[in-house]
Amino acid sequence: MQPSVPSPAPSPESSASPAAPRFDERLTVPGSWWVIVALLALSGGLVAFPLGTVPTLGGLIVAGVAAGVAVSSYGSARIRVVAGSLVAGEARVPVSALGAVEVLDEEEARAWRSHKADPRAFMLMRSYVPRAVRIEITDPADPTPYLYLSSRDPEGLAAAVDAVRGEA
């Protein structure tokens, strides 16, 4: 398992290509979640244990695969700044439609996830990523007031959005 780290700053050669990502982060789950997957697999085997060896192995495999797929799917969310757009999960927003970028510390991120949250906002949040970025949407035709994006490197994401906006 590779740790999830944001892509390093682009080299001068890579910034010449508009398709090269300025920022790329995968919000993978922490390692402790994979321990839980192993325990769920073990519990699947234990449930089938009274039925014999083959059902025990079947229960172990089925429970392990099901838990692994669920955890892997949840941790596959990506945030990218590429080709003049911010891509966060299923959302793709042109950088020209983005306004101010606000880097949120842990306390502010918690506030924007709870009592400050707007139900119309697009939120790509992961509970295991404590920091985030809030980016205003300036497109008058879009009812979404802002994007809330959990990020392990919110400063890097904000810098990438500002850099792409400056190029346009």
Protein backbone atom coordinates (compact mmCIF):
# COMPACT_ATOMS: atom_id res chain seq x y z
CA MET A 1 0.00 0.00 0.00
CA GLN A 2 1.42 3.35 -0.98
CA PRO A 3 0.71 6.35 1.21
CA SER A 4 -1.41 9.06 -0.31
CA VAL A 5 0.66 12.12 -0.88
CA PRO A 6 -0.08 14.99 -3.20
CA SER A 7 1.93 15.21 -6.37
CA PRO A 8 5.08 17.30 -6.11
CA ALA A 9 5.24 20.76 -7.63
CA PRO A 10 5.38 20.56 -11.42
CA SER A 11 8.71 20.93 -13.14
CA PRO A 12 9.09 23.62 -15.82
CA GLU A 13 8.84 20.93 -18.50
CA SER A 14 5.51 19.58 -17.21
CA SER A 15 3.86 22.98 -16.86
CA ALA A 16 4.25 23.51 -20.61
CA SER A 17 1.61 20.84 -21.26
CA PRO A 18 -1.95 21.93 -20.38
CA ALA A 19 -2.93 18.30 -19.77
CA ALA A 20 -0.28 17.76 -17.07
CA PRO A 21 -1.91 17.85 -13.62
CA ARG A 22 -0.88 20.82 -11.47
CA PHE A 23 -2.21 19.02 -8.40
CA ASP A 24 -3.24 15.39 -7.96
CA GLU A 25 -4.30 13.87 -4.64
CA ARG A 26 -6.03 10.60 -3.86
CA LEU A 27 -7.88 10.59 -0.54
CA THR A 28 -6.93 7.04 0.43
CA VAL A 29 -8.11 5.59 3.70
CA PRO A 30 -5.65 5.30 6.61
CA GLY A 31 -3.79 2.06 7.22
CA SER A 32 -5.83 1.28 10.31
CA TRP A 33 -8.88 0.77 8.09
CA TRP A 34 -7.08 -2.11 6.38
CA VAL A 35 -6.59 -3.72 9.78
CA ILE A 36 -10.37 -3.52 10.20
CA VAL A 37 -10.78 -5.17 6.78
CA ALA A 38 -8.57 -8.04 7.96
CA LEU A 39 -10.64 -8.37 11.14
CA LEU A 40 -13.87 -8.41 9.12
CA ALA A 41 -12.42 -11.16 6.91
CA LEU A 42 -11.49 -13.11 10.02
CA SER A 43 -14.99 -12.68 11.43
CA GLY A 44 -16.47 -13.96 8.14
CA GLY A 45 -14.36 -17.07 8.53
CA LEU A 46 -15.37 -17.49 12.16
CA VAL A 47 -19.07 -17.27 11.31
CA ALA A 48 -18.69 -20.16 8.88
CA PHE A 49 -16.31 -22.15 11.14
CA PRO A 50 -18.97 -24.54 12.51
CA LEU A 51 -19.76 -25.62 8.93
CA GLY A 52 -16.26 -26.95 8.17
CA THR A 53 -12.96 -25.99 6.58
CA VAL A 54 -14.17 -25.12 3.08
CA PRO A 55 -17.03 -22.87 4.27
CA THR A 56 -14.60 -21.21 6.72
CA LEU A 57 -12.21 -20.37 3.89
CA GLY A 58 -15.14 -19.24 1.75
CA GLY A 59 -16.43 -16.96 4.50
CA LEU A 60 -12.96 -15.55 5.05
CA ILE A 61 -12.49 -14.80 1.36
CA VAL A 62 -15.98 -13.41 0.72
CA ALA A 63 -15.96 -11.16 3.79
CA GLY A 64 -12.41 -10.00 3.09
CA VAL A 65 -13.08 -9.20 -0.56
CA ALA A 66 -16.36 -7.41 0.22
CA ALA A 67 -14.78 -5.28 2.96
CA GLY A 68 -11.70 -4.61 0.84
CA VAL A 69 -13.76 -3.46 -2.14
CA ALA A 70 -15.85 -1.16 0.06
CA VAL A 71 -12.81 0.44 1.71
CA SER A 72 -10.89 0.74 -1.55
CA SER A 73 -13.88 2.32 -3.28
CA TYR A 74 -14.38 4.86 -0.48
CA GLY A 75 -10.70 5.78 -0.59
CA SER A 76 -10.54 6.22 -4.36
CA ALA A 77 -11.74 9.84 -4.40
CA ARG A 78 -9.33 12.14 -6.24
CA ILE A 79 -8.81 15.87 -6.42
CA ARG A 80 -7.00 17.16 -9.50
CA VAL A 81 -6.23 20.47 -11.12
CA VAL A 82 -5.73 19.64 -14.78
CA ALA A 83 -6.36 21.25 -18.18
CA GLY A 84 -7.88 24.42 -16.74
CA SER A 85 -10.36 22.55 -14.55
CA LEU A 86 -10.69 21.44 -10.97
CA VAL A 87 -11.78 17.80 -10.87
CA ALA A 88 -13.01 16.60 -7.47
CA GLY A 89 -14.65 13.22 -7.40
CA GLU A 90 -17.43 13.37 -9.99
CA ALA A 91 -17.41 17.18 -10.26
CA ARG A 92 -15.50 19.04 -12.98
CA VAL A 93 -15.45 22.82 -12.64
CA PRO A 94 -13.55 25.18 -14.96
CA VAL A 95 -11.08 27.30 -13.01
CA SER A 96 -12.64 30.39 -14.60
CA ALA A 97 -15.84 29.64 -12.61
CA LEU A 98 -13.98 29.52 -9.29
CA GLY A 99 -13.67 32.42 -6.88
CA ALA A 100 -11.70 32.86 -3.69
CA VAL A 101 -9.86 29.86 -2.28
CA GLU A 102 -9.86 29.55 1.51
CA VAL A 103 -7.54 27.08 3.25
CA LEU A 104 -9.27 25.68 6.33
CA ASP A 105 -7.51 24.45 9.45
CA GLU A 106 -8.97 21.59 11.47
CA GLU A 107 -11.39 23.74 13.50
CA GLU A 108 -12.65 25.76 10.52
CA ALA A 109 -13.01 22.59 8.44
CA ARG A 110 -15.13 21.03 11.19
CA ALA A 111 -17.30 24.16 11.31
CA TRP A 112 -17.84 24.15 7.52
CA ARG A 113 -18.73 20.43 7.67
CA SER A 114 -21.38 21.08 10.31
CA HIS A 115 -23.11 24.28 11.39
CA LYS A 116 -21.70 26.58 8.67
CA ALA A 117 -22.48 24.15 5.83
CA ASP A 118 -24.82 25.13 3.02
CA PRO A 119 -26.96 22.22 1.75
CA ARG A 120 -26.43 23.39 -1.85
CA ALA A 121 -22.63 23.10 -1.61
CA PHE A 122 -20.62 20.34 -3.25
CA MET A 123 -18.73 18.54 -0.52
CA LEU A 124 -16.05 15.94 -1.07
CA MET A 125 -15.19 15.21 2.52
CA ARG A 126 -13.46 12.40 4.26
CA SER A 127 -13.63 12.19 8.04
CA TYR A 128 -10.06 10.95 8.29
CA VAL A 129 -8.68 14.05 6.50
CA PRO A 130 -8.96 16.87 9.05
CA ARG A 131 -8.06 19.85 6.84
CA ALA A 132 -9.86 21.19 3.80
CA VAL A 133 -10.27 23.92 1.20
CA ARG A 134 -13.38 25.98 0.55
CA ILE A 135 -13.61 27.44 -2.96
CA GLU A 136 -16.36 29.84 -3.98
CA ILE A 137 -18.25 29.26 -7.24
CA THR A 138 -18.65 32.53 -9.17
CA ASP A 139 -20.76 31.20 -12.05
CA PRO A 140 -24.20 32.86 -11.69
CA ALA A 141 -25.89 29.97 -13.53
CA ASP A 142 -24.59 27.44 -10.98
CA PRO A 143 -26.67 27.17 -7.78
CA THR A 144 -23.70 25.67 -5.91
CA PRO A 145 -22.28 28.39 -3.62
CA TYR A 146 -18.94 26.72 -2.92
CA LEU A 147 -16.88 23.53 -3.04
CA TYR A 148 -15.71 21.97 0.20
CA LEU A 149 -12.81 19.60 -0.48
CA SER A 150 -10.97 17.60 2.16
CA SER A 151 -7.26 17.64 1.42
CA ARG A 152 -4.06 16.54 3.10
CA ASP A 153 -2.30 19.44 1.30
CA PRO A 154 -4.80 22.32 1.16
CA GLU A 155 -2.05 24.91 0.61
CA GLY A 156 -0.84 23.00 -2.47
CA LEU A 157 -4.38 22.76 -3.84
CA ALA A 158 -4.97 26.47 -3.32
CA ALA A 159 -1.64 27.31 -4.98
CA ALA A 160 -2.45 25.08 -7.98
CA VAL A 161 -5.88 26.67 -8.48
CA ASP A 162 -4.36 30.16 -8.22
CA ALA A 163 -1.54 29.24 -10.64
CA VAL A 164 -3.95 27.90 -13.27
CA ARG A 165 -6.22 30.92 -12.80
CA GLY A 166 -3.20 33.21 -13.29
CA GLU A 167 -2.32 31.48 -16.57
CA ALA A 168 -5.81 32.00 -18.02
